[in-house]
Amino acid sequence: MDGYDAGYWKHGVNVTAGQFCNYIKTHIPPDAVLHVCGDNQVYLHFSPDGNALSMDHDPLSDLPEYEGCQAEELDTGDGL
């Protein structure tokens, strides 16, 4: 990966999933590969009780709530 462009350096607090999606759709090229903590593997974790979405590079498969489960592939709706 090449260096970052300082014009895209952003910070947010309590950003909703919708706000994040709107920002990405408006400001980032649609073919940009998403990296989380420098890794191109992305795991999504959602807490319905906390209404919180977490994006991570770690599967967190050792969590008790994931015991006996396997992460499903992300359905992006575009056949990828």
PDB file of N, CA and C in Angstrom:
ATOM      1  N   MET A   1       0.859  -1.175   0.000  1.00  0.00           N
ATOM      2  CA  MET A   1       0.000   0.000   0.000  1.00  0.00           C
ATOM      3  C   MET A   1       0.902   1.234   0.000  1.00  0.00           C
ATOM      4  N   ASP A   2       0.529   2.215  -0.797  1.00  0.00           N
ATOM      5  CA  ASP A   2       1.258   3.481  -0.829  1.00  0.00           C
ATOM      6  C   ASP A   2       0.861   4.340   0.358  1.00  0.00           C
ATOM      7  N   GLY A   3       1.431   5.530   0.459  1.00  0.00           N
ATOM      8  CA  GLY A   3       1.116   6.441   1.552  1.00  0.00           C
ATOM      9  C   GLY A   3      -0.319   6.928   1.493  1.00  0.00           C
ATOM     10  N   TYR A   4      -0.763   7.428   2.610  1.00  0.00           N
ATOM     11  CA  TYR A   4      -2.131   7.950   2.723  1.00  0.00           C
ATOM     12  C   TYR A   4      -2.208   9.393   2.246  1.00  0.00           C
ATOM     13  N   ASP A   5      -3.389   9.831   1.836  1.00  0.00           N
ATOM     14  CA  ASP A   5      -3.664  11.207   1.432  1.00  0.00           C
ATOM     15  C   ASP A   5      -4.252  11.926   2.633  1.00  0.00           C
ATOM     16  N   ALA A   6      -3.573  12.944   3.129  1.00  0.00           N
ATOM     17  CA  ALA A   6      -4.003  13.662   4.335  1.00  0.00           C
ATOM     18  C   ALA A   6      -5.383  14.300   4.181  1.00  0.00           C
ATOM     19  N   GLY A   7      -5.822  14.549   2.966  1.00  0.00           N
ATOM     20  CA  GLY A   7      -7.139  15.129   2.743  1.00  0.00           C
ATOM     21  C   GLY A   7      -8.277  14.192   3.118  1.00  0.00           C
ATOM     22  N   TYR A   8      -7.977  12.906   3.238  1.00  0.00           N
ATOM     23  CA  TYR A   8      -8.988  11.916   3.588  1.00  0.00           C
ATOM     24  C   TYR A   8      -8.888  11.481   5.053  1.00  0.00           C
ATOM     25  N   TRP A   9      -7.993  12.095   5.810  1.00  0.00           N
ATOM     26  CA  TRP A   9      -7.781  11.724   7.213  1.00  0.00           C
ATOM     27  C   TRP A   9      -8.938  12.263   8.037  1.00  0.00           C
ATOM     28  N   LYS A  10      -9.769  11.385   8.548  1.00  0.00           N
ATOM     29  CA  LYS A  10     -10.980  11.794   9.266  1.00  0.00           C
ATOM     30  C   LYS A  10     -11.074  11.086  10.613  1.00  0.00           C
ATOM     31  N   HIS A  11     -11.846  11.659  11.502  1.00  0.00           N
ATOM     32  CA  HIS A  11     -12.113  11.093  12.818  1.00  0.00           C
ATOM     33  C   HIS A  11     -13.593  11.280  13.115  1.00  0.00           C
ATOM     34  N   GLY A  12     -14.200  10.343  13.802  1.00  0.00           N
ATOM     35  CA  GLY A  12     -15.610  10.470  14.160  1.00  0.00           C
ATOM     36  C   GLY A  12     -15.876   9.835  15.511  1.00  0.00           C
ATOM     37  N   VAL A  13     -16.913  10.289  16.164  1.00  0.00           N
ATOM     38  CA  VAL A  13     -17.353   9.740  17.453  1.00  0.00           C
ATOM     39  C   VAL A  13     -18.841   9.427  17.329  1.00  0.00           C
ATOM     40  N   ASN A  14     -19.233   8.236  17.746  1.00  0.00           N
ATOM     41  CA  ASN A  14     -20.632   7.807  17.694  1.00  0.00           C
ATOM     42  C   ASN A  14     -21.226   7.927  16.287  1.00  0.00           C
ATOM     43  N   VAL A  15     -20.438   7.578  15.284  1.00  0.00           N
ATOM     44  CA  VAL A  15     -20.890   7.590  13.900  1.00  0.00           C
ATOM     45  C   VAL A  15     -21.816   6.392  13.692  1.00  0.00           C
ATOM     46  N   THR A  16     -22.987   6.617  13.129  1.00  0.00           N
ATOM     47  CA  THR A  16     -23.912   5.509  12.864  1.00  0.00           C
ATOM     48  C   THR A  16     -23.484   4.776  11.598  1.00  0.00           C
ATOM     49  N   ALA A  17     -23.996   3.565  11.435  1.00  0.00           N
ATOM     50  CA  ALA A  17     -23.702   2.786  10.228  1.00  0.00           C
ATOM     51  C   ALA A  17     -24.173   3.543   8.990  1.00  0.00           C
ATOM     52  N   GLY A  18     -25.343   4.175   9.081  1.00  0.00           N
ATOM     53  CA  GLY A  18     -25.869   4.942   7.954  1.00  0.00           C
ATOM     54  C   GLY A  18     -24.996   6.132   7.603  1.00  0.00           C
ATOM     55  N   GLN A  19     -24.538   6.848   8.619  1.00  0.00           N
ATOM     56  CA  GLN A  19     -23.661   7.995   8.375  1.00  0.00           C
ATOM     57  C   GLN A  19     -22.350   7.537   7.734  1.00  0.00           C
ATOM     58  N   PHE A  20     -21.816   6.417   8.234  1.00  0.00           N
ATOM     59  CA  PHE A  20     -20.578   5.880   7.681  1.00  0.00           C
ATOM     60  C   PHE A  20     -20.768   5.504   6.211  1.00  0.00           C
ATOM     61  N   CYS A  21     -21.848   4.798   5.912  1.00  0.00           N
ATOM     62  CA  CYS A  21     -22.129   4.406   4.526  1.00  0.00           C
ATOM     63  C   CYS A  21     -22.294   5.625   3.626  1.00  0.00           C
ATOM     64  N   ASN A  22     -23.011   6.627   4.094  1.00  0.00           N
ATOM     65  CA  ASN A  22     -23.191   7.855   3.308  1.00  0.00           C
ATOM     66  C   ASN A  22     -21.858   8.529   3.028  1.00  0.00           C
ATOM     67  N   TYR A  23     -20.990   8.591   4.039  1.00  0.00           N
ATOM     68  CA  TYR A  23     -19.676   9.207   3.841  1.00  0.00           C
ATOM     69  C   TYR A  23     -18.882   8.432   2.789  1.00  0.00           C
ATOM     70  N   ILE A  24     -18.839   7.116   2.943  1.00  0.00           N
ATOM     71  CA  ILE A  24     -18.079   6.286   2.010  1.00  0.00           C
ATOM     72  C   ILE A  24     -18.608   6.444   0.584  1.00  0.00           C
ATOM     73  N   LYS A  25     -19.931   6.387   0.423  1.00  0.00           N
ATOM     74  CA  LYS A  25     -20.527   6.512  -0.919  1.00  0.00           C
ATOM     75  C   LYS A  25     -20.229   7.861  -1.547  1.00  0.00           C
ATOM     76  N   THR A  26     -20.120   8.890  -0.743  1.00  0.00           N
ATOM     77  CA  THR A  26     -19.927  10.246  -1.243  1.00  0.00           C
ATOM     78  C   THR A  26     -18.461  10.591  -1.509  1.00  0.00           C
ATOM     79  N   HIS A  27     -17.547  10.041  -0.702  1.00  0.00           N
ATOM     80  CA  HIS A  27     -16.160  10.517  -0.737  1.00  0.00           C
ATOM     81  C   HIS A  27     -15.095   9.503  -1.149  1.00  0.00           C
ATOM     82  N   ILE A  28     -15.431   8.219  -1.163  1.00  0.00           N
ATOM     83  CA  ILE A  28     -14.415   7.195  -1.428  1.00  0.00           C
ATOM     84  C   ILE A  28     -14.759   6.452  -2.721  1.00  0.00           C
ATOM     85  N   PRO A  29     -13.770   6.200  -3.580  1.00  0.00           N
ATOM     86  CA  PRO A  29     -14.040   5.455  -4.811  1.00  0.00           C
ATOM     87  C   PRO A  29     -14.639   4.083  -4.488  1.00  0.00           C
ATOM     88  N   PRO A  30     -15.660   3.657  -5.226  1.00  0.00           N
ATOM     89  CA  PRO A  30     -16.340   2.404  -4.904  1.00  0.00           C
ATOM     90  C   PRO A  30     -15.471   1.154  -5.048  1.00  0.00           C
ATOM     91  N   ASP A  31     -14.366   1.236  -5.761  1.00  0.00           N
ATOM     92  CA  ASP A  31     -13.497   0.072  -5.906  1.00  0.00           C
ATOM     93  C   ASP A  31     -12.336   0.063  -4.911  1.00  0.00           C
ATOM     94  N   ALA A  32     -12.321   1.025  -3.971  1.00  0.00           N
ATOM     95  CA  ALA A  32     -11.278   1.044  -2.938  1.00  0.00           C
ATOM     96  C   ALA A  32     -11.464  -0.168  -2.025  1.00  0.00           C
ATOM     97  N   VAL A  33     -10.380  -0.876  -1.738  1.00  0.00           N
ATOM     98  CA  VAL A  33     -10.434  -2.056  -0.877  1.00  0.00           C
ATOM     99  C   VAL A  33     -10.399  -1.606   0.588  1.00  0.00           C
ATOM    100  N   LEU A  34     -11.371  -2.097   1.350  1.00  0.00           N
ATOM    101  CA  LEU A  34     -11.470  -1.753   2.766  1.00  0.00           C
ATOM    102  C   LEU A  34     -10.434  -2.517   3.580  1.00  0.00           C
ATOM    103  N   HIS A  35      -9.655  -1.797   4.362  1.00  0.00           N
ATOM    104  CA  HIS A  35      -8.683  -2.389   5.287  1.00  0.00           C
ATOM    105  C   HIS A  35      -9.086  -1.977   6.693  1.00  0.00           C
ATOM    106  N   VAL A  36      -9.018  -2.911   7.626  1.00  0.00           N
ATOM    107  CA  VAL A  36      -9.271  -2.624   9.036  1.00  0.00           C
ATOM    108  C   VAL A  36      -8.001  -2.985   9.789  1.00  0.00           C
ATOM    109  N   CYS A  37      -7.444  -2.017  10.481  1.00  0.00           N
ATOM    110  CA  CYS A  37      -6.161  -2.201  11.188  1.00  0.00           C
ATOM    111  C   CYS A  37      -5.081  -2.704  10.230  1.00  0.00           C
ATOM    112  N   GLY A  38      -5.095  -2.217   9.001  1.00  0.00           N
ATOM    113  CA  GLY A  38      -4.090  -2.556   8.011  1.00  0.00           C
ATOM    114  C   GLY A  38      -4.300  -3.895   7.328  1.00  0.00           C
ATOM    115  N   ASP A  39      -5.397  -4.565   7.627  1.00  0.00           N
ATOM    116  CA  ASP A  39      -5.666  -5.902   7.072  1.00  0.00           C
ATOM    117  C   ASP A  39      -6.866  -5.829   6.145  1.00  0.00           C
ATOM    118  N   ASN A  40      -6.796  -6.535   5.008  1.00  0.00           N
ATOM    119  CA  ASN A  40      -7.912  -6.496   4.064  1.00  0.00           C
ATOM    120  C   ASN A  40      -8.997  -7.519   4.402  1.00  0.00           C
ATOM    121  N   GLN A  41      -8.830  -8.276   5.486  1.00  0.00           N
ATOM    122  CA  GLN A  41      -9.887  -9.159   5.969  1.00  0.00           C
ATOM    123  C   GLN A  41     -10.737  -8.368   6.963  1.00  0.00           C
ATOM    124  N   VAL A  42     -12.042  -8.426   6.780  1.00  0.00           N
ATOM    125  CA  VAL A  42     -12.952  -7.648   7.618  1.00  0.00           C
ATOM    126  C   VAL A  42     -13.979  -8.579   8.246  1.00  0.00           C
ATOM    127  N   TYR A  43     -14.161  -8.438   9.537  1.00  0.00           N
ATOM    128  CA  TYR A  43     -15.199  -9.169  10.262  1.00  0.00           C
ATOM    129  C   TYR A  43     -16.162  -8.152  10.837  1.00  0.00           C
ATOM    130  N   LEU A  44     -17.453  -8.423  10.680  1.00  0.00           N
ATOM    131  CA  LEU A  44     -18.480  -7.560  11.250  1.00  0.00           C
ATOM    132  C   LEU A  44     -19.072  -8.249  12.470  1.00  0.00           C
ATOM    133  N   HIS A  45     -19.219  -7.488  13.533  1.00  0.00           N
ATOM    134  CA  HIS A  45     -19.809  -7.982  14.774  1.00  0.00           C
ATOM    135  C   HIS A  45     -20.916  -7.005  15.139  1.00  0.00           C
ATOM    136  N   PHE A  46     -22.118  -7.515  15.391  1.00  0.00           N
ATOM    137  CA  PHE A  46     -23.245  -6.641  15.728  1.00  0.00           C
ATOM    138  C   PHE A  46     -23.851  -7.063  17.047  1.00  0.00           C
ATOM    139  N   SER A  47     -24.100  -6.093  17.912  1.00  0.00           N
ATOM    140  CA  SER A  47     -24.764  -6.316  19.191  1.00  0.00           C
ATOM    141  C   SER A  47     -26.155  -5.702  19.127  1.00  0.00           C
ATOM    142  N   PRO A  48     -27.193  -6.525  18.931  1.00  0.00           N
ATOM    143  CA  PRO A  48     -28.552  -5.970  18.895  1.00  0.00           C
ATOM    144  C   PRO A  48     -28.930  -5.248  20.180  1.00  0.00           C
ATOM    145  N   ASP A  49     -28.517  -5.799  21.329  1.00  0.00           N
ATOM    146  CA  ASP A  49     -28.847  -5.160  22.614  1.00  0.00           C
ATOM    147  C   ASP A  49     -28.191  -3.790  22.752  1.00  0.00           C
ATOM    148  N   GLY A  50     -26.942  -3.678  22.301  1.00  0.00           N
ATOM    149  CA  GLY A  50     -26.229  -2.412  22.392  1.00  0.00           C
ATOM    150  C   GLY A  50     -26.389  -1.546  21.158  1.00  0.00           C
ATOM    151  N   ASN A  51     -27.077  -2.074  20.137  1.00  0.00           N
ATOM    152  CA  ASN A  51     -27.241  -1.374  18.861  1.00  0.00           C
ATOM    153  C   ASN A  51     -25.890  -0.851  18.362  1.00  0.00           C
ATOM    154  N   ALA A  52     -24.885  -1.764  18.376  1.00  0.00           N
ATOM    155  CA  ALA A  52     -23.527  -1.373  18.008  1.00  0.00           C
ATOM    156  C   ALA A  52     -22.957  -2.332  16.966  1.00  0.00           C
ATOM    157  N   LEU A  53     -22.385  -1.772  15.922  1.00  0.00           N
ATOM    158  CA  LEU A  53     -21.697  -2.521  14.875  1.00  0.00           C
ATOM    159  C   LEU A  53     -20.203  -2.322  15.062  1.00  0.00           C
ATOM    160  N   SER A  54     -19.460  -3.411  15.070  1.00  0.00           N
ATOM    161  CA  SER A  54     -18.009  -3.338  15.173  1.00  0.00           C
ATOM    162  C   SER A  54     -17.395  -3.948  13.930  1.00  0.00           C
ATOM    163  N   MET A  55     -16.433  -3.252  13.338  1.00  0.00           N
ATOM    164  CA  MET A  55     -15.655  -3.774  12.216  1.00  0.00           C
ATOM    165  C   MET A  55     -14.291  -4.111  12.783  1.00  0.00           C
ATOM    166  N   ASP A  56     -13.807  -5.317  12.487  1.00  0.00           N
ATOM    167  CA  ASP A  56     -12.569  -5.771  13.097  1.00  0.00           C
ATOM    168  C   ASP A  56     -11.772  -6.576  12.075  1.00  0.00           C
ATOM    169  N   HIS A  57     -10.483  -6.692  12.306  1.00  0.00           N
ATOM    170  CA  HIS A  57      -9.649  -7.577  11.489  1.00  0.00           C
ATOM    171  C   HIS A  57      -9.527  -8.946  12.153  1.00  0.00           C
ATOM    172  N   ASP A  58     -10.046  -9.063  13.365  1.00  0.00           N
ATOM    173  CA  ASP A  58      -9.983 -10.293  14.151  1.00  0.00           C
ATOM    174  C   ASP A  58     -11.356 -10.951  14.148  1.00  0.00           C
ATOM    175  N   PRO A  59     -11.430 -12.270  13.906  1.00  0.00           N
ATOM    176  CA  PRO A  59     -12.727 -12.923  13.901  1.00  0.00           C
ATOM    177  C   PRO A  59     -13.376 -13.004  15.275  1.00  0.00           C
ATOM    178  N   LEU A  60     -12.593 -12.814  16.337  1.00  0.00           N
ATOM    179  CA  LEU A  60     -13.089 -12.909  17.714  1.00  0.00           C
ATOM    180  C   LEU A  60     -13.797 -14.237  17.952  1.00  0.00           C
ATOM    181  N   SER A  61     -13.324 -15.281  17.266  1.00  0.00           N
ATOM    182  CA  SER A  61     -13.966 -16.594  17.331  1.00  0.00           C
ATOM    183  C   SER A  61     -13.877 -17.241  18.708  1.00  0.00           C
ATOM    184  N   ASP A  62     -13.054 -16.696  19.595  1.00  0.00           N
ATOM    185  CA  ASP A  62     -12.952 -17.250  20.938  1.00  0.00           C
ATOM    186  C   ASP A  62     -14.027 -16.703  21.886  1.00  0.00           C
ATOM    187  N   LEU A  63     -14.874 -15.796  21.408  1.00  0.00           N
ATOM    188  CA  LEU A  63     -15.956 -15.279  22.244  1.00  0.00           C
ATOM    189  C   LEU A  63     -16.993 -16.373  22.483  1.00  0.00           C
ATOM    190  N   PRO A  64     -17.537 -16.447  23.701  1.00  0.00           N
ATOM    191  CA  PRO A  64     -18.503 -17.508  23.990  1.00  0.00           C
ATOM    192  C   PRO A  64     -19.736 -17.481  23.092  1.00  0.00           C
ATOM    193  N   GLU A  65     -20.167 -16.313  22.664  1.00  0.00           N
ATOM    194  CA  GLU A  65     -21.366 -16.238  21.817  1.00  0.00           C
ATOM    195  C   GLU A  65     -21.136 -16.812  20.418  1.00  0.00           C
ATOM    196  N   TYR A  66     -19.868 -16.994  20.021  1.00  0.00           N
ATOM    197  CA  TYR A  66     -19.564 -17.560  18.714  1.00  0.00           C
ATOM    198  C   TYR A  66     -19.221 -19.046  18.795  1.00  0.00           C
ATOM    199  N   GLU A  67     -19.291 -19.634  19.987  1.00  0.00           N
ATOM    200  CA  GLU A  67     -18.953 -21.049  20.143  1.00  0.00           C
ATOM    201  C   GLU A  67     -19.849 -21.908  19.244  1.00  0.00           C
ATOM    202  N   GLY A  68     -19.225 -22.790  18.498  1.00  0.00           N
ATOM    203  CA  GLY A  68     -19.958 -23.673  17.596  1.00  0.00           C
ATOM    204  C   GLY A  68     -20.423 -23.002  16.316  1.00  0.00           C
ATOM    205  N   CYS A  69     -20.017 -21.773  16.086  1.00  0.00           N
ATOM    206  CA  CYS A  69     -20.423 -21.018  14.890  1.00  0.00           C
ATOM    207  C   CYS A  69     -19.211 -20.754  14.006  1.00  0.00           C
ATOM    208  N   GLN A  70     -19.487 -20.386  12.788  1.00  0.00           N
ATOM    209  CA  GLN A  70     -18.443 -19.976  11.854  1.00  0.00           C
ATOM    210  C   GLN A  70     -18.920 -18.712  11.158  1.00  0.00           C
ATOM    211  N   ALA A  71     -18.025 -17.763  10.953  1.00  0.00           N
ATOM    212  CA  ALA A  71     -18.389 -16.527  10.275  1.00  0.00           C
ATOM    213  C   ALA A  71     -18.846 -16.828   8.857  1.00  0.00           C
ATOM    214  N   GLU A  72     -19.982 -16.265   8.475  1.00  0.00           N
ATOM    215  CA  GLU A  72     -20.467 -16.403   7.106  1.00  0.00           C
ATOM    216  C   GLU A  72     -19.793 -15.361   6.227  1.00  0.00           C
ATOM    217  N   GLU A  73     -19.739 -15.633   4.937  1.00  0.00           N
ATOM    218  CA  GLU A  73     -19.167 -14.663   4.000  1.00  0.00           C
ATOM    219  C   GLU A  73     -20.116 -13.463   3.894  1.00  0.00           C
ATOM    220  N   LEU A  74     -19.535 -12.299   3.766  1.00  0.00           N
ATOM    221  CA  LEU A  74     -20.269 -11.051   3.647  1.00  0.00           C
ATOM    222  C   LEU A  74     -20.997 -11.012   2.297  1.00  0.00           C
ATOM    223  N   ASP A  75     -22.304 -10.882   2.319  1.00  0.00           N
ATOM    224  CA  ASP A  75     -23.096 -10.788   1.097  1.00  0.00           C
ATOM    225  C   ASP A  75     -23.172  -9.316   0.692  1.00  0.00           C
ATOM    226  N   THR A  76     -22.386  -8.946  -0.311  1.00  0.00           N
ATOM    227  CA  THR A  76     -22.333  -7.551  -0.739  1.00  0.00           C
ATOM    228  C   THR A  76     -23.380  -7.222  -1.790  1.00  0.00           C
ATOM    229  N   GLY A  77     -24.085  -8.241  -2.272  1.00  0.00           N
ATOM    230  CA  GLY A  77     -25.136  -8.014  -3.249  1.00  0.00           C
ATOM    231  C   GLY A  77     -24.647  -7.751  -4.649  1.00  0.00           C
ATOM    232  N   ASP A  78     -23.322  -7.820  -4.864  1.00  0.00           N
ATOM    233  CA  ASP A  78     -22.809  -7.549  -6.196  1.00  0.00           C
ATOM    234  C   ASP A  78     -22.113  -8.764  -6.804  1.00  0.00           C
ATOM    235  N   GLY A  79     -22.343  -9.927  -6.216  1.00  0.00           N
ATOM    236  CA  GLY A  79     -21.788 -11.156  -6.763  1.00  0.00           C
ATOM    237  C   GLY A  79     -20.326 -11.383  -6.431  1.00  0.00           C
ATOM    238  N   LEU A  80     -19.744 -10.546  -5.587  1.00  0.00           N
ATOM    239  CA  LEU A  80     -18.321 -10.735  -5.227  1.00  0.00           C
ATOM    240  C   LEU A  80     -18.191 -11.606  -4.011  1.00  0.00           C
TER     241      LEU A  80
END
